[in-house]
Amino acid sequence: MMNLDYEAANTARAIIEPARAIIEQGGGPVHTKALKSKLENVIFKSLGILQEQGIYASSLYLWTRGKSETQFAAIVREELLRLSIRLLNLPSHTTAVDAATYLAFVSEKLNHDFTVMLWMKDAWELALVYARYGAKTVHPTHT
C-alpha cells in the first residue's frame, strides 16, 4: 500500500531542492530574492488553480509561464508527473517532453476516471502545499 503523505512530501522535496540550487546561484541578494519570489508564486498559483479548476487547468498554467518563471514551472511539472506515475504504477519511462504530450497524459491517465482524477488532485494538492511551505525555507546564501 502506498503512503500518499510520504509520496507528496518526497515530491515537494524534489521540487524544492533543484529550485534551491537555482536560487542560490542567483548572483546577488536582490536577484536571489526575486527568484525565490518567482518560485513561491509558481507554486502558490499552481495550487490555487488546481483547487479551483482542477488538474488540467493547473497543467496548462505550468506550461504557459513566462520566461522568468519557466525553470520553476518545469521543475513543478516534472515532479507532479513523476508523482502521478508512481501512484498509478505506470512505467517509469513515461515522459512528457512537450506540452501536447504532457496534456494528453493528464487527459488520458489522470482525468479519464473520476475516482483517479480525485485521487490525483488530492495528491497534487498535498505535494504543492508541502512545496509551498518548503519554498519558504529557502534562504539564499546572499541574504
N, C-alpha and C. Protein backbone atom coordinates (compact mmCIF):
# COMPACT_ATOMS: atom_id res chain seq x y z
N MET A 1 0.85 -1.18 0.00
CA MET A 1 0.00 0.00 0.00
C MET A 1 0.89 1.25 0.00
N MET A 2 0.53 2.21 -0.80
CA MET A 2 1.32 3.43 -0.94
C MET A 2 0.85 4.50 0.06
N ASN A 3 1.80 5.18 0.66
CA ASN A 3 1.52 6.23 1.62
C ASN A 3 1.52 7.58 0.88
N LEU A 4 0.34 8.17 0.72
CA LEU A 4 0.20 9.41 -0.04
C LEU A 4 0.97 10.56 0.59
N ASP A 5 0.94 10.65 1.90
CA ASP A 5 1.66 11.72 2.58
C ASP A 5 3.16 11.62 2.32
N TYR A 6 3.69 10.43 2.40
CA TYR A 6 5.11 10.19 2.13
C TYR A 6 5.46 10.57 0.69
N GLU A 7 4.66 10.13 -0.25
CA GLU A 7 4.91 10.43 -1.67
C GLU A 7 4.82 11.93 -1.94
N ALA A 8 3.85 12.59 -1.34
CA ALA A 8 3.70 14.04 -1.53
C ALA A 8 4.88 14.80 -0.92
N ALA A 9 5.32 14.37 0.24
CA ALA A 9 6.47 15.02 0.88
C ALA A 9 7.73 14.84 0.04
N ASN A 10 7.93 13.65 -0.50
CA ASN A 10 9.09 13.42 -1.37
C ASN A 10 9.00 14.25 -2.64
N THR A 11 7.81 14.41 -3.17
CA THR A 11 7.64 15.24 -4.37
C THR A 11 7.94 16.69 -4.04
N ALA A 12 7.47 17.16 -2.92
CA ALA A 12 7.75 18.55 -2.52
C ALA A 12 9.25 18.78 -2.38
N ARG A 13 9.94 17.84 -1.75
CA ARG A 13 11.40 17.96 -1.63
C ARG A 13 12.06 17.95 -3.00
N ALA A 14 11.55 17.11 -3.90
CA ALA A 14 12.12 17.03 -5.25
C ALA A 14 11.87 18.32 -6.04
N ILE A 15 10.87 19.07 -5.68
CA ILE A 15 10.61 20.37 -6.29
C ILE A 15 11.56 21.42 -5.69
N ILE A 16 11.69 21.41 -4.39
CA ILE A 16 12.43 22.47 -3.69
C ILE A 16 13.93 22.38 -3.89
N GLU A 17 14.50 21.19 -3.87
CA GLU A 17 15.96 21.08 -3.94
C GLU A 17 16.57 21.65 -5.21
N PRO A 18 16.09 21.30 -6.42
CA PRO A 18 16.68 21.94 -7.61
C PRO A 18 16.35 23.43 -7.68
N ALA A 19 15.19 23.80 -7.18
CA ALA A 19 14.83 25.22 -7.17
C ALA A 19 15.76 25.99 -6.23
N ARG A 20 16.08 25.37 -5.10
CA ARG A 20 17.01 25.99 -4.15
C ARG A 20 18.35 26.25 -4.82
N ALA A 21 18.83 25.28 -5.58
CA ALA A 21 20.11 25.43 -6.28
C ALA A 21 20.06 26.59 -7.27
N ILE A 22 18.97 26.71 -7.99
CA ILE A 22 18.81 27.82 -8.94
C ILE A 22 18.82 29.16 -8.21
N ILE A 23 18.11 29.22 -7.11
CA ILE A 23 18.03 30.46 -6.33
C ILE A 23 19.39 30.83 -5.75
N GLU A 24 20.10 29.84 -5.22
CA GLU A 24 21.40 30.12 -4.61
C GLU A 24 22.44 30.55 -5.63
N GLN A 25 22.24 30.22 -6.88
CA GLN A 25 23.14 30.66 -7.94
C GLN A 25 22.69 31.99 -8.53
N GLY A 26 21.75 32.64 -7.87
CA GLY A 26 21.11 33.84 -8.39
C GLY A 26 22.01 35.02 -8.68
N GLY A 27 23.11 35.15 -8.00
CA GLY A 27 24.03 36.21 -8.33
C GLY A 27 23.88 37.48 -7.54
N GLY A 28 23.37 37.42 -6.36
CA GLY A 28 23.27 38.61 -5.53
C GLY A 28 21.97 38.62 -4.77
N PRO A 29 21.92 39.39 -3.67
CA PRO A 29 20.75 39.35 -2.80
C PRO A 29 19.45 39.78 -3.47
N VAL A 30 19.50 40.79 -4.30
CA VAL A 30 18.26 41.26 -4.94
C VAL A 30 17.74 40.21 -5.92
N HIS A 31 18.63 39.65 -6.71
CA HIS A 31 18.22 38.67 -7.71
C HIS A 31 17.76 37.37 -7.05
N THR A 32 18.43 36.93 -5.99
CA THR A 32 18.03 35.69 -5.34
C THR A 32 16.67 35.84 -4.66
N LYS A 33 16.39 37.00 -4.10
CA LYS A 33 15.07 37.25 -3.50
C LYS A 33 13.99 37.24 -4.57
N ALA A 34 14.30 37.81 -5.73
CA ALA A 34 13.33 37.81 -6.84
C ALA A 34 13.07 36.39 -7.33
N LEU A 35 14.12 35.59 -7.41
CA LEU A 35 13.95 34.19 -7.84
C LEU A 35 13.12 33.41 -6.82
N LYS A 36 13.39 33.62 -5.55
CA LYS A 36 12.61 32.93 -4.51
C LYS A 36 11.14 33.33 -4.63
N SER A 37 10.89 34.58 -4.87
CA SER A 37 9.52 35.06 -5.04
C SER A 37 8.85 34.40 -6.25
N LYS A 38 9.59 34.23 -7.33
CA LYS A 38 9.05 33.58 -8.52
C LYS A 38 8.70 32.12 -8.24
N LEU A 39 9.56 31.42 -7.51
CA LEU A 39 9.28 30.04 -7.12
C LEU A 39 8.01 29.96 -6.29
N GLU A 40 7.92 30.79 -5.27
CA GLU A 40 6.73 30.80 -4.42
C GLU A 40 5.48 31.11 -5.23
N ASN A 41 5.60 32.04 -6.16
CA ASN A 41 4.46 32.43 -6.99
C ASN A 41 3.98 31.27 -7.87
N VAL A 42 4.91 30.58 -8.52
CA VAL A 42 4.54 29.45 -9.38
C VAL A 42 3.83 28.37 -8.57
N ILE A 43 4.38 28.05 -7.41
CA ILE A 43 3.78 27.00 -6.58
C ILE A 43 2.42 27.44 -6.07
N PHE A 44 2.34 28.66 -5.54
CA PHE A 44 1.09 29.16 -4.97
C PHE A 44 -0.02 29.23 -6.02
N LYS A 45 0.28 29.76 -7.19
CA LYS A 45 -0.73 29.87 -8.23
C LYS A 45 -1.11 28.51 -8.80
N SER A 46 -0.14 27.62 -8.93
CA SER A 46 -0.45 26.26 -9.39
C SER A 46 -1.42 25.58 -8.43
N LEU A 47 -1.17 25.76 -7.15
CA LEU A 47 -2.04 25.18 -6.13
C LEU A 47 -3.44 25.79 -6.20
N GLY A 48 -3.52 27.09 -6.31
CA GLY A 48 -4.82 27.76 -6.38
C GLY A 48 -5.63 27.33 -7.60
N ILE A 49 -4.98 27.24 -8.72
CA ILE A 49 -5.66 26.81 -9.95
C ILE A 49 -6.09 25.36 -9.83
N LEU A 50 -5.23 24.52 -9.26
CA LEU A 50 -5.58 23.12 -9.04
C LEU A 50 -6.82 23.01 -8.17
N GLN A 51 -6.87 23.76 -7.09
CA GLN A 51 -8.01 23.68 -6.18
C GLN A 51 -9.29 24.20 -6.81
N GLU A 52 -9.19 25.24 -7.60
CA GLU A 52 -10.38 25.86 -8.18
C GLU A 52 -10.82 25.24 -9.50
N GLN A 53 -9.85 24.85 -10.33
CA GLN A 53 -10.18 24.43 -11.68
C GLN A 53 -9.80 22.99 -12.02
N GLY A 54 -8.87 22.42 -11.28
CA GLY A 54 -8.52 21.03 -11.49
C GLY A 54 -7.14 20.81 -12.08
N ILE A 55 -6.84 19.54 -12.32
CA ILE A 55 -5.52 19.11 -12.77
C ILE A 55 -5.17 19.67 -14.14
N TYR A 56 -6.10 19.60 -15.07
CA TYR A 56 -5.80 20.03 -16.44
C TYR A 56 -5.49 21.54 -16.47
N ALA A 57 -6.29 22.32 -15.77
CA ALA A 57 -6.06 23.77 -15.75
C ALA A 57 -4.72 24.11 -15.09
N SER A 58 -4.40 23.40 -14.02
CA SER A 58 -3.11 23.62 -13.36
C SER A 58 -1.96 23.26 -14.30
N SER A 59 -2.13 22.18 -15.05
CA SER A 59 -1.12 21.78 -16.02
C SER A 59 -0.94 22.85 -17.11
N LEU A 60 -2.04 23.38 -17.59
CA LEU A 60 -1.97 24.46 -18.58
C LEU A 60 -1.21 25.65 -18.02
N TYR A 61 -1.51 26.02 -16.79
CA TYR A 61 -0.82 27.14 -16.16
C TYR A 61 0.69 26.88 -16.15
N LEU A 62 1.08 25.68 -15.76
CA LEU A 62 2.51 25.37 -15.66
C LEU A 62 3.21 25.37 -17.02
N TRP A 63 2.48 25.14 -18.09
CA TRP A 63 3.07 25.16 -19.43
C TRP A 63 3.07 26.55 -20.04
N THR A 64 2.40 27.50 -19.43
CA THR A 64 2.28 28.83 -20.05
C THR A 64 2.97 29.93 -19.26
N ARG A 65 3.90 29.56 -18.41
CA ARG A 65 4.62 30.57 -17.64
C ARG A 65 5.58 31.34 -18.53
N GLY A 66 5.75 32.59 -18.16
CA GLY A 66 6.67 33.45 -18.88
C GLY A 66 8.11 33.04 -18.66
N LYS A 67 8.97 33.67 -19.38
CA LYS A 67 10.40 33.33 -19.36
C LYS A 67 10.99 33.30 -17.95
N SER A 68 10.61 34.24 -17.12
CA SER A 68 11.22 34.34 -15.80
C SER A 68 10.77 33.23 -14.84
N GLU A 69 9.67 32.57 -15.14
CA GLU A 69 9.17 31.51 -14.26
C GLU A 69 9.29 30.11 -14.87
N THR A 70 9.73 30.03 -16.10
CA THR A 70 9.76 28.77 -16.84
C THR A 70 10.54 27.68 -16.12
N GLN A 71 11.71 28.01 -15.60
CA GLN A 71 12.54 26.98 -14.98
C GLN A 71 11.86 26.39 -13.74
N PHE A 72 11.17 27.20 -12.97
CA PHE A 72 10.48 26.69 -11.79
C PHE A 72 9.23 25.90 -12.19
N ALA A 73 8.51 26.39 -13.18
CA ALA A 73 7.32 25.67 -13.66
C ALA A 73 7.71 24.30 -14.21
N ALA A 74 8.84 24.23 -14.89
CA ALA A 74 9.31 22.95 -15.45
C ALA A 74 9.61 21.95 -14.33
N ILE A 75 10.21 22.41 -13.26
CA ILE A 75 10.51 21.53 -12.12
C ILE A 75 9.21 21.01 -11.51
N VAL A 76 8.27 21.90 -11.28
CA VAL A 76 6.99 21.51 -10.69
C VAL A 76 6.28 20.51 -11.59
N ARG A 77 6.20 20.81 -12.89
CA ARG A 77 5.55 19.91 -13.86
C ARG A 77 6.15 18.52 -13.82
N GLU A 78 7.46 18.47 -13.90
CA GLU A 78 8.16 17.18 -13.96
C GLU A 78 7.92 16.36 -12.69
N GLU A 79 7.97 17.01 -11.55
CA GLU A 79 7.80 16.27 -10.30
C GLU A 79 6.35 15.83 -10.08
N LEU A 80 5.39 16.63 -10.53
CA LEU A 80 3.99 16.21 -10.43
C LEU A 80 3.73 15.04 -11.37
N LEU A 81 4.38 15.04 -12.52
CA LEU A 81 4.27 13.92 -13.45
C LEU A 81 4.85 12.66 -12.81
N ARG A 82 6.03 12.78 -12.21
CA ARG A 82 6.66 11.62 -11.55
C ARG A 82 5.79 11.09 -10.42
N LEU A 83 5.20 11.98 -9.65
CA LEU A 83 4.29 11.56 -8.58
C LEU A 83 3.13 10.76 -9.15
N SER A 84 2.53 11.26 -10.21
CA SER A 84 1.40 10.57 -10.83
C SER A 84 1.80 9.20 -11.34
N ILE A 85 2.96 9.11 -11.96
CA ILE A 85 3.45 7.84 -12.50
C ILE A 85 3.66 6.83 -11.36
N ARG A 86 4.25 7.30 -10.26
CA ARG A 86 4.45 6.40 -9.11
C ARG A 86 3.13 5.92 -8.53
N LEU A 87 2.21 6.86 -8.32
CA LEU A 87 0.94 6.50 -7.69
C LEU A 87 0.10 5.58 -8.57
N LEU A 88 0.17 5.77 -9.87
CA LEU A 88 -0.62 4.94 -10.79
C LEU A 88 0.14 3.69 -11.23
N ASN A 89 1.37 3.56 -10.73
CA ASN A 89 2.20 2.40 -11.05
C ASN A 89 2.36 2.23 -12.57
N LEU A 90 2.67 3.33 -13.23
CA LEU A 90 2.90 3.31 -14.67
C LEU A 90 4.39 3.09 -14.94
N PRO A 91 4.73 2.70 -16.14
CA PRO A 91 6.16 2.52 -16.47
C PRO A 91 6.91 3.83 -16.24
N SER A 92 8.07 3.73 -15.64
CA SER A 92 8.84 4.93 -15.31
C SER A 92 9.38 5.66 -16.54
N HIS A 93 9.37 5.00 -17.68
CA HIS A 93 9.86 5.65 -18.90
C HIS A 93 8.82 6.59 -19.51
N THR A 94 7.64 6.66 -18.90
CA THR A 94 6.62 7.60 -19.37
C THR A 94 7.13 9.01 -19.15
N THR A 95 7.26 9.76 -20.22
CA THR A 95 7.74 11.14 -20.09
C THR A 95 6.87 12.05 -20.93
N ALA A 96 6.95 13.31 -20.62
CA ALA A 96 6.23 14.32 -21.38
C ALA A 96 7.22 15.41 -21.74
N VAL A 97 7.74 15.32 -22.93
CA VAL A 97 8.78 16.26 -23.34
C VAL A 97 8.23 17.58 -23.87
N ASP A 98 6.95 17.59 -24.16
CA ASP A 98 6.35 18.84 -24.65
C ASP A 98 4.94 18.98 -24.07
N ALA A 99 4.37 20.15 -24.27
CA ALA A 99 3.06 20.43 -23.69
C ALA A 99 1.98 19.48 -24.19
N ALA A 100 1.99 19.18 -25.48
CA ALA A 100 0.95 18.31 -26.04
C ALA A 100 0.99 16.92 -25.41
N THR A 101 2.19 16.37 -25.26
CA THR A 101 2.33 15.05 -24.65
C THR A 101 1.92 15.06 -23.19
N TYR A 102 2.34 16.10 -22.48
CA TYR A 102 2.01 16.22 -21.06
C TYR A 102 0.50 16.34 -20.87
N LEU A 103 -0.11 17.22 -21.64
CA LEU A 103 -1.55 17.44 -21.51
C LEU A 103 -2.35 16.22 -21.94
N ALA A 104 -1.85 15.49 -22.92
CA ALA A 104 -2.50 14.24 -23.32
C ALA A 104 -2.42 13.22 -22.18
N PHE A 105 -1.27 13.16 -21.51
CA PHE A 105 -1.11 12.27 -20.36
C PHE A 105 -2.12 12.64 -19.27
N VAL A 106 -2.23 13.92 -18.99
CA VAL A 106 -3.18 14.37 -17.96
C VAL A 106 -4.60 13.97 -18.34
N SER A 107 -4.97 14.21 -19.58
CA SER A 107 -6.33 13.87 -20.03
C SER A 107 -6.60 12.37 -19.99
N GLU A 108 -5.67 11.61 -20.53
CA GLU A 108 -5.89 10.18 -20.71
C GLU A 108 -5.66 9.35 -19.45
N LYS A 109 -4.69 9.74 -18.64
CA LYS A 109 -4.33 8.93 -17.47
C LYS A 109 -4.87 9.47 -16.15
N LEU A 110 -4.98 10.79 -16.04
CA LEU A 110 -5.36 11.37 -14.75
C LEU A 110 -6.82 11.81 -14.70
N ASN A 111 -7.36 12.23 -15.82
CA ASN A 111 -8.74 12.74 -15.83
C ASN A 111 -9.75 11.77 -16.42
N HIS A 112 -9.31 10.61 -16.89
CA HIS A 112 -10.22 9.69 -17.58
C HIS A 112 -11.24 9.05 -16.65
N ASP A 113 -10.89 8.89 -15.41
CA ASP A 113 -11.75 8.23 -14.44
C ASP A 113 -11.94 9.17 -13.26
N PHE A 114 -13.17 9.33 -12.83
CA PHE A 114 -13.48 10.30 -11.78
C PHE A 114 -12.73 9.99 -10.48
N THR A 115 -12.68 8.73 -10.10
CA THR A 115 -12.00 8.35 -8.86
C THR A 115 -10.51 8.63 -8.96
N VAL A 116 -9.90 8.28 -10.09
CA VAL A 116 -8.48 8.55 -10.30
C VAL A 116 -8.22 10.05 -10.29
N MET A 117 -9.09 10.80 -10.95
CA MET A 117 -8.92 12.26 -11.00
C MET A 117 -8.96 12.88 -9.60
N LEU A 118 -9.89 12.44 -8.77
CA LEU A 118 -9.96 12.98 -7.41
C LEU A 118 -8.73 12.59 -6.60
N TRP A 119 -8.26 11.37 -6.77
CA TRP A 119 -7.07 10.90 -6.05
C TRP A 119 -5.84 11.70 -6.48
N MET A 120 -5.69 11.90 -7.79
CA MET A 120 -4.54 12.65 -8.29
C MET A 120 -4.62 14.11 -7.86
N LYS A 121 -5.82 14.66 -7.87
CA LYS A 121 -5.97 16.05 -7.43
C LYS A 121 -5.55 16.18 -5.97
N ASP A 122 -5.96 15.24 -5.13
CA ASP A 122 -5.55 15.26 -3.72
C ASP A 122 -4.03 15.12 -3.59
N ALA A 123 -3.46 14.22 -4.38
CA ALA A 123 -2.02 14.00 -4.32
C ALA A 123 -1.26 15.25 -4.75
N TRP A 124 -1.67 15.84 -5.87
CA TRP A 124 -1.01 17.06 -6.35
C TRP A 124 -1.17 18.19 -5.33
N GLU A 125 -2.37 18.31 -4.78
CA GLU A 125 -2.63 19.37 -3.82
C GLU A 125 -1.73 19.22 -2.59
N LEU A 126 -1.63 18.02 -2.07
CA LEU A 126 -0.79 17.80 -0.90
C LEU A 126 0.67 18.10 -1.22
N ALA A 127 1.14 17.65 -2.37
CA ALA A 127 2.53 17.91 -2.77
C ALA A 127 2.78 19.41 -2.92
N LEU A 128 1.84 20.13 -3.52
CA LEU A 128 2.02 21.57 -3.70
C LEU A 128 1.92 22.35 -2.39
N VAL A 129 1.08 21.89 -1.48
CA VAL A 129 1.02 22.52 -0.16
C VAL A 129 2.37 22.36 0.54
N TYR A 130 2.91 21.15 0.51
CA TYR A 130 4.23 20.92 1.12
C TYR A 130 5.31 21.74 0.42
N ALA A 131 5.25 21.80 -0.90
CA ALA A 131 6.24 22.58 -1.65
C ALA A 131 6.11 24.07 -1.34
N ARG A 132 4.89 24.52 -1.16
CA ARG A 132 4.65 25.94 -0.83
C ARG A 132 5.36 26.31 0.46
N TYR A 133 5.21 25.47 1.47
CA TYR A 133 5.89 25.74 2.74
C TYR A 133 7.38 25.47 2.63
N GLY A 134 7.75 24.48 1.83
CA GLY A 134 9.17 24.20 1.60
C GLY A 134 9.87 25.36 0.95
N ALA A 135 9.18 26.04 0.04
CA ALA A 135 9.77 27.20 -0.64
C ALA A 135 10.09 28.30 0.35
N LYS A 136 9.31 28.39 1.40
CA LYS A 136 9.57 29.42 2.41
C LYS A 136 10.83 29.13 3.23
N THR A 137 11.30 27.88 3.18
CA THR A 137 12.53 27.52 3.91
C THR A 137 13.78 27.83 3.11
N VAL A 138 13.61 28.21 1.87
CA VAL A 138 14.77 28.52 1.03
C VAL A 138 15.30 29.89 1.45
N HIS A 139 16.52 29.89 1.95
CA HIS A 139 17.15 31.13 2.39
C HIS A 139 18.44 31.30 1.59
N PRO A 140 18.39 32.12 0.57
CA PRO A 140 19.58 32.32 -0.26
C PRO A 140 20.78 32.71 0.59
N THR A 141 21.93 32.20 0.22
CA THR A 141 23.15 32.44 0.97
C THR A 141 23.60 33.90 0.90
N HIS A 142 23.05 34.66 -0.05
CA HIS A 142 23.46 36.05 -0.24
C HIS A 142 22.72 37.01 0.71
N THR A 143 21.70 36.53 1.43
CA THR A 143 20.93 37.45 2.26
C THR A 143 21.50 37.58 3.65
